[in-house]
Amino acid sequence: MFVRISEAPWSSIEDIYNSIVNHPFMKGLADGSLDIEKFRFYIVQDRMYLGRFIRRWL
């Protein structure tokens, strides 16, 4: 039987992955029901992270 090389790593993190994609924040972000204040906070935090990431790696 053929098994993909990526199957073992994915199966080892399946519970973590499911916790992430089923988190209320992620669900709200995906379906558009996320509270606007939570979204604003997320955007500010992401901008801070991306700014530091860009300065470090580019």
PDB file of N, CA and C in Angstrom:
ATOM      1  N   MET A   1       0.837  -1.181   0.000  1.00  0.00           N
ATOM      2  CA  MET A   1       0.000   0.000   0.000  1.00  0.00           C
ATOM      3  C   MET A   1       0.882   1.245   0.000  1.00  0.00           C
ATOM      4  N   PHE A   2       0.512   2.220  -0.798  1.00  0.00           N
ATOM      5  CA  PHE A   2       1.263   3.464  -0.919  1.00  0.00           C
ATOM      6  C   PHE A   2       0.881   4.431   0.200  1.00  0.00           C
ATOM      7  N   VAL A   3       1.876   4.973   0.879  1.00  0.00           N
ATOM      8  CA  VAL A   3       1.653   5.957   1.942  1.00  0.00           C
ATOM      9  C   VAL A   3       2.435   7.216   1.589  1.00  0.00           C
ATOM     10  N   ARG A   4       1.754   8.343   1.646  1.00  0.00           N
ATOM     11  CA  ARG A   4       2.432   9.611   1.364  1.00  0.00           C
ATOM     12  C   ARG A   4       3.443   9.922   2.456  1.00  0.00           C
ATOM     13  N   ILE A   5       4.531  10.557   2.042  1.00  0.00           N
ATOM     14  CA  ILE A   5       5.574  10.915   3.000  1.00  0.00           C
ATOM     15  C   ILE A   5       5.072  11.935   4.023  1.00  0.00           C
ATOM     16  N   SER A   6       4.088  12.733   3.643  1.00  0.00           N
ATOM     17  CA  SER A   6       3.565  13.763   4.552  1.00  0.00           C
ATOM     18  C   SER A   6       2.533  13.219   5.543  1.00  0.00           C
ATOM     19  N   GLU A   7       2.121  11.988   5.373  1.00  0.00           N
ATOM     20  CA  GLU A   7       1.062  11.436   6.227  1.00  0.00           C
ATOM     21  C   GLU A   7       1.474  11.336   7.696  1.00  0.00           C
ATOM     22  N   ALA A   8       2.677  10.881   7.972  1.00  0.00           N
ATOM     23  CA  ALA A   8       3.123  10.733   9.364  1.00  0.00           C
ATOM     24  C   ALA A   8       3.205  12.077  10.088  1.00  0.00           C
ATOM     25  N   PRO A   9       3.850  13.084   9.488  1.00  0.00           N
ATOM     26  CA  PRO A   9       3.876  14.377  10.197  1.00  0.00           C
ATOM     27  C   PRO A   9       2.478  14.952  10.422  1.00  0.00           C
ATOM     28  N   TRP A  10       1.607  14.875   9.425  1.00  0.00           N
ATOM     29  CA  TRP A  10       0.254  15.414   9.589  1.00  0.00           C
ATOM     30  C   TRP A  10      -0.512  14.662  10.663  1.00  0.00           C
ATOM     31  N   SER A  11      -0.393  13.356  10.692  1.00  0.00           N
ATOM     32  CA  SER A  11      -1.142  12.597  11.701  1.00  0.00           C
ATOM     33  C   SER A  11      -0.617  12.874  13.108  1.00  0.00           C
ATOM     34  N   SER A  12       0.653  13.236  13.214  1.00  0.00           N
ATOM     35  CA  SER A  12       1.211  13.523  14.539  1.00  0.00           C
ATOM     36  C   SER A  12       0.739  14.861  15.104  1.00  0.00           C
ATOM     37  N   ILE A  13       0.229  15.755  14.245  1.00  0.00           N
ATOM     38  CA  ILE A  13      -0.258  17.058  14.715  1.00  0.00           C
ATOM     39  C   ILE A  13      -1.748  17.251  14.463  1.00  0.00           C
ATOM     40  N   GLU A  14      -2.432  16.196  14.133  1.00  0.00           N
ATOM     41  CA  GLU A  14      -3.848  16.288  13.776  1.00  0.00           C
ATOM     42  C   GLU A  14      -4.691  16.952  14.868  1.00  0.00           C
ATOM     43  N   ASP A  15      -4.477  16.587  16.119  1.00  0.00           N
ATOM     44  CA  ASP A  15      -5.250  17.188  17.217  1.00  0.00           C
ATOM     45  C   ASP A  15      -4.987  18.686  17.334  1.00  0.00           C
ATOM     46  N   ILE A  16      -3.728  19.073  17.207  1.00  0.00           N
ATOM     47  CA  ILE A  16      -3.372  20.494  17.283  1.00  0.00           C
ATOM     48  C   ILE A  16      -3.998  21.251  16.123  1.00  0.00           C
ATOM     49  N   TYR A  17      -3.865  20.708  14.921  1.00  0.00           N
ATOM     50  CA  TYR A  17      -4.438  21.345  13.730  1.00  0.00           C
ATOM     51  C   TYR A  17      -5.947  21.532  13.890  1.00  0.00           C
ATOM     52  N   ASN A  18      -6.635  20.503  14.338  1.00  0.00           N
ATOM     53  CA  ASN A  18      -8.086  20.593  14.528  1.00  0.00           C
ATOM     54  C   ASN A  18      -8.454  21.625  15.593  1.00  0.00           C
ATOM     55  N   SER A  19      -7.647  21.719  16.641  1.00  0.00           N
ATOM     56  CA  SER A  19      -7.896  22.741  17.664  1.00  0.00           C
ATOM     57  C   SER A  19      -7.775  24.146  17.087  1.00  0.00           C
ATOM     58  N   ILE A  20      -6.808  24.338  16.216  1.00  0.00           N
ATOM     59  CA  ILE A  20      -6.606  25.652  15.596  1.00  0.00           C
ATOM     60  C   ILE A  20      -7.761  25.995  14.668  1.00  0.00           C
ATOM     61  N   VAL A  21      -8.084  25.114  13.731  1.00  0.00           N
ATOM     62  CA  VAL A  21      -9.119  25.443  12.738  1.00  0.00           C
ATOM     63  C   VAL A  21     -10.515  25.484  13.340  1.00  0.00           C
ATOM     64  N   ASN A  22     -10.716  24.861  14.490  1.00  0.00           N
ATOM     65  CA  ASN A  22     -12.028  24.892  15.130  1.00  0.00           C
ATOM     66  C   ASN A  22     -12.132  25.918  16.257  1.00  0.00           C
ATOM     67  N   HIS A  23     -11.087  26.701  16.450  1.00  0.00           N
ATOM     68  CA  HIS A  23     -11.116  27.748  17.477  1.00  0.00           C
ATOM     69  C   HIS A  23     -12.138  28.813  17.072  1.00  0.00           C
ATOM     70  N   PRO A  24     -12.909  29.337  18.026  1.00  0.00           N
ATOM     71  CA  PRO A  24     -13.933  30.338  17.695  1.00  0.00           C
ATOM     72  C   PRO A  24     -13.385  31.550  16.941  1.00  0.00           C
ATOM     73  N   PHE A  25     -12.175  31.991  17.276  1.00  0.00           N
ATOM     74  CA  PHE A  25     -11.586  33.127  16.559  1.00  0.00           C
ATOM     75  C   PHE A  25     -11.388  32.788  15.087  1.00  0.00           C
ATOM     76  N   MET A  26     -10.812  31.636  14.810  1.00  0.00           N
ATOM     77  CA  MET A  26     -10.551  31.239  13.423  1.00  0.00           C
ATOM     78  C   MET A  26     -11.851  31.028  12.652  1.00  0.00           C
ATOM     79  N   LYS A  27     -12.832  30.421  13.295  1.00  0.00           N
ATOM     80  CA  LYS A  27     -14.124  30.225  12.631  1.00  0.00           C
ATOM     81  C   LYS A  27     -14.773  31.564  12.307  1.00  0.00           C
ATOM     82  N   GLY A  28     -14.741  32.502  13.265  1.00  0.00           N
ATOM     83  CA  GLY A  28     -15.306  33.822  13.033  1.00  0.00           C
ATOM     84  C   GLY A  28     -14.563  34.580  11.954  1.00  0.00           C
ATOM     85  N   LEU A  29     -13.252  34.448  11.927  1.00  0.00           N
ATOM     86  CA  LEU A  29     -12.443  35.082  10.892  1.00  0.00           C
ATOM     87  C   LEU A  29     -12.795  34.511   9.518  1.00  0.00           C
ATOM     88  N   ALA A  30     -12.981  33.218   9.452  1.00  0.00           N
ATOM     89  CA  ALA A  30     -13.281  32.556   8.180  1.00  0.00           C
ATOM     90  C   ALA A  30     -14.686  32.848   7.670  1.00  0.00           C
ATOM     91  N   ASP A  31     -15.666  32.896   8.573  1.00  0.00           N
ATOM     92  CA  ASP A  31     -17.049  33.062   8.095  1.00  0.00           C
ATOM     93  C   ASP A  31     -17.568  34.496   8.193  1.00  0.00           C
ATOM     94  N   GLY A  32     -16.712  35.415   8.653  1.00  0.00           N
ATOM     95  CA  GLY A  32     -17.096  36.823   8.695  1.00  0.00           C
ATOM     96  C   GLY A  32     -17.882  37.241   9.924  1.00  0.00           C
ATOM     97  N   SER A  33     -18.012  36.358  10.901  1.00  0.00           N
ATOM     98  CA  SER A  33     -18.801  36.689  12.092  1.00  0.00           C
ATOM     99  C   SER A  33     -17.952  37.185  13.268  1.00  0.00           C
ATOM    100  N   LEU A  34     -16.656  37.336  13.059  1.00  0.00           N
ATOM    101  CA  LEU A  34     -15.764  37.775  14.125  1.00  0.00           C
ATOM    102  C   LEU A  34     -16.094  39.204  14.542  1.00  0.00           C
ATOM    103  N   ASP A  35     -16.164  39.438  15.840  1.00  0.00           N
ATOM    104  CA  ASP A  35     -16.412  40.770  16.380  1.00  0.00           C
ATOM    105  C   ASP A  35     -15.364  41.744  15.842  1.00  0.00           C
ATOM    106  N   ILE A  36     -15.796  42.926  15.420  1.00  0.00           N
ATOM    107  CA  ILE A  36     -14.906  43.897  14.788  1.00  0.00           C
ATOM    108  C   ILE A  36     -13.767  44.325  15.704  1.00  0.00           C
ATOM    109  N   GLU A  37     -14.016  44.437  16.997  1.00  0.00           N
ATOM    110  CA  GLU A  37     -12.944  44.827  17.921  1.00  0.00           C
ATOM    111  C   GLU A  37     -11.881  43.739  18.035  1.00  0.00           C
ATOM    112  N   LYS A  38     -12.287  42.499  18.010  1.00  0.00           N
ATOM    113  CA  LYS A  38     -11.319  41.397  18.026  1.00  0.00           C
ATOM    114  C   LYS A  38     -10.514  41.387  16.736  1.00  0.00           C
ATOM    115  N   PHE A  39     -11.176  41.683  15.626  1.00  0.00           N
ATOM    116  CA  PHE A  39     -10.482  41.739  14.342  1.00  0.00           C
ATOM    117  C   PHE A  39      -9.467  42.886  14.328  1.00  0.00           C
ATOM    118  N   ARG A  40      -9.859  44.042  14.829  1.00  0.00           N
ATOM    119  CA  ARG A  40      -8.934  45.188  14.881  1.00  0.00           C
ATOM    120  C   ARG A  40      -7.703  44.861  15.723  1.00  0.00           C
ATOM    121  N   PHE A  41      -7.918  44.253  16.871  1.00  0.00           N
ATOM    122  CA  PHE A  41      -6.797  43.873  17.729  1.00  0.00           C
ATOM    123  C   PHE A  41      -5.869  42.912  16.990  1.00  0.00           C
ATOM    124  N   TYR A  42      -6.446  41.943  16.308  1.00  0.00           N
ATOM    125  CA  TYR A  42      -5.668  40.977  15.534  1.00  0.00           C
ATOM    126  C   TYR A  42      -4.837  41.681  14.463  1.00  0.00           C
ATOM    127  N   ILE A  43      -5.445  42.616  13.740  1.00  0.00           N
ATOM    128  CA  ILE A  43      -4.742  43.324  12.670  1.00  0.00           C
ATOM    129  C   ILE A  43      -3.570  44.131  13.234  1.00  0.00           C
ATOM    130  N   VAL A  44      -3.769  44.827  14.341  1.00  0.00           N
ATOM    131  CA  VAL A  44      -2.686  45.601  14.960  1.00  0.00           C
ATOM    132  C   VAL A  44      -1.545  44.675  15.362  1.00  0.00           C
ATOM    133  N   GLN A  45      -1.869  43.565  16.001  1.00  0.00           N
ATOM    134  CA  GLN A  45      -0.837  42.619  16.428  1.00  0.00           C
ATOM    135  C   GLN A  45      -0.111  42.025  15.231  1.00  0.00           C
ATOM    136  N   ASP A  46      -0.849  41.695  14.184  1.00  0.00           N
ATOM    137  CA  ASP A  46      -0.246  41.112  12.992  1.00  0.00           C
ATOM    138  C   ASP A  46       0.674  42.120  12.310  1.00  0.00           C
ATOM    139  N   ARG A  47       0.253  43.376  12.266  1.00  0.00           N
ATOM    140  CA  ARG A  47       1.086  44.410  11.656  1.00  0.00           C
ATOM    141  C   ARG A  47       2.399  44.549  12.420  1.00  0.00           C
ATOM    142  N   MET A  48       2.342  44.512  13.736  1.00  0.00           N
ATOM    143  CA  MET A  48       3.556  44.602  14.546  1.00  0.00           C
ATOM    144  C   MET A  48       4.477  43.415  14.249  1.00  0.00           C
ATOM    145  N   TYR A  49       3.905  42.233  14.181  1.00  0.00           N
ATOM    146  CA  TYR A  49       4.691  41.034  13.886  1.00  0.00           C
ATOM    147  C   TYR A  49       5.313  41.121  12.499  1.00  0.00           C
ATOM    148  N   LEU A  50       4.507  41.461  11.505  1.00  0.00           N
ATOM    149  CA  LEU A  50       5.017  41.507  10.136  1.00  0.00           C
ATOM    150  C   LEU A  50       6.087  42.575   9.967  1.00  0.00           C
ATOM    151  N   GLY A  51       5.920  43.721  10.636  1.00  0.00           N
ATOM    152  CA  GLY A  51       6.945  44.759  10.573  1.00  0.00           C
ATOM    153  C   GLY A  51       8.283  44.264  11.090  1.00  0.00           C
ATOM    154  N   ARG A  52       8.264  43.568  12.194  1.00  0.00           N
ATOM    155  CA  ARG A  52       9.503  43.020  12.758  1.00  0.00           C
ATOM    156  C   ARG A  52      10.060  41.902  11.876  1.00  0.00           C
ATOM    157  N   PHE A  53       9.185  41.093  11.339  1.00  0.00           N
ATOM    158  CA  PHE A  53       9.612  40.005  10.458  1.00  0.00           C
ATOM    159  C   PHE A  53      10.312  40.563   9.224  1.00  0.00           C
ATOM    160  N   ILE A  54       9.718  41.578   8.623  1.00  0.00           N
ATOM    161  CA  ILE A  54      10.291  42.178   7.415  1.00  0.00           C
ATOM    162  C   ILE A  54      11.653  42.800   7.721  1.00  0.00           C
ATOM    163  N   ARG A  55      11.750  43.539   8.813  1.00  0.00           N
ATOM    164  CA  ARG A  55      13.037  44.158   9.168  1.00  0.00           C
ATOM    165  C   ARG A  55      14.109  43.102   9.412  1.00  0.00           C
ATOM    166  N   ARG A  56      13.709  41.975   9.938  1.00  0.00           N
ATOM    167  CA  ARG A  56      14.681  40.917  10.245  1.00  0.00           C
ATOM    168  C   ARG A  56      15.137  40.163   9.004  1.00  0.00           C
ATOM    169  N   TRP A  57      14.218  39.846   8.118  1.00  0.00           N
ATOM    170  CA  TRP A  57      14.527  38.937   7.021  1.00  0.00           C
ATOM    171  C   TRP A  57      14.704  39.584   5.656  1.00  0.00           C
ATOM    172  N   LEU A  58      14.305  40.832   5.505  1.00  0.00           N
ATOM    173  CA  LEU A  58      14.461  41.459   4.179  1.00  0.00           C
ATOM    174  C   LEU A  58      15.537  42.508   4.169  1.00  0.00           C
TER     175      LEU A  58
END
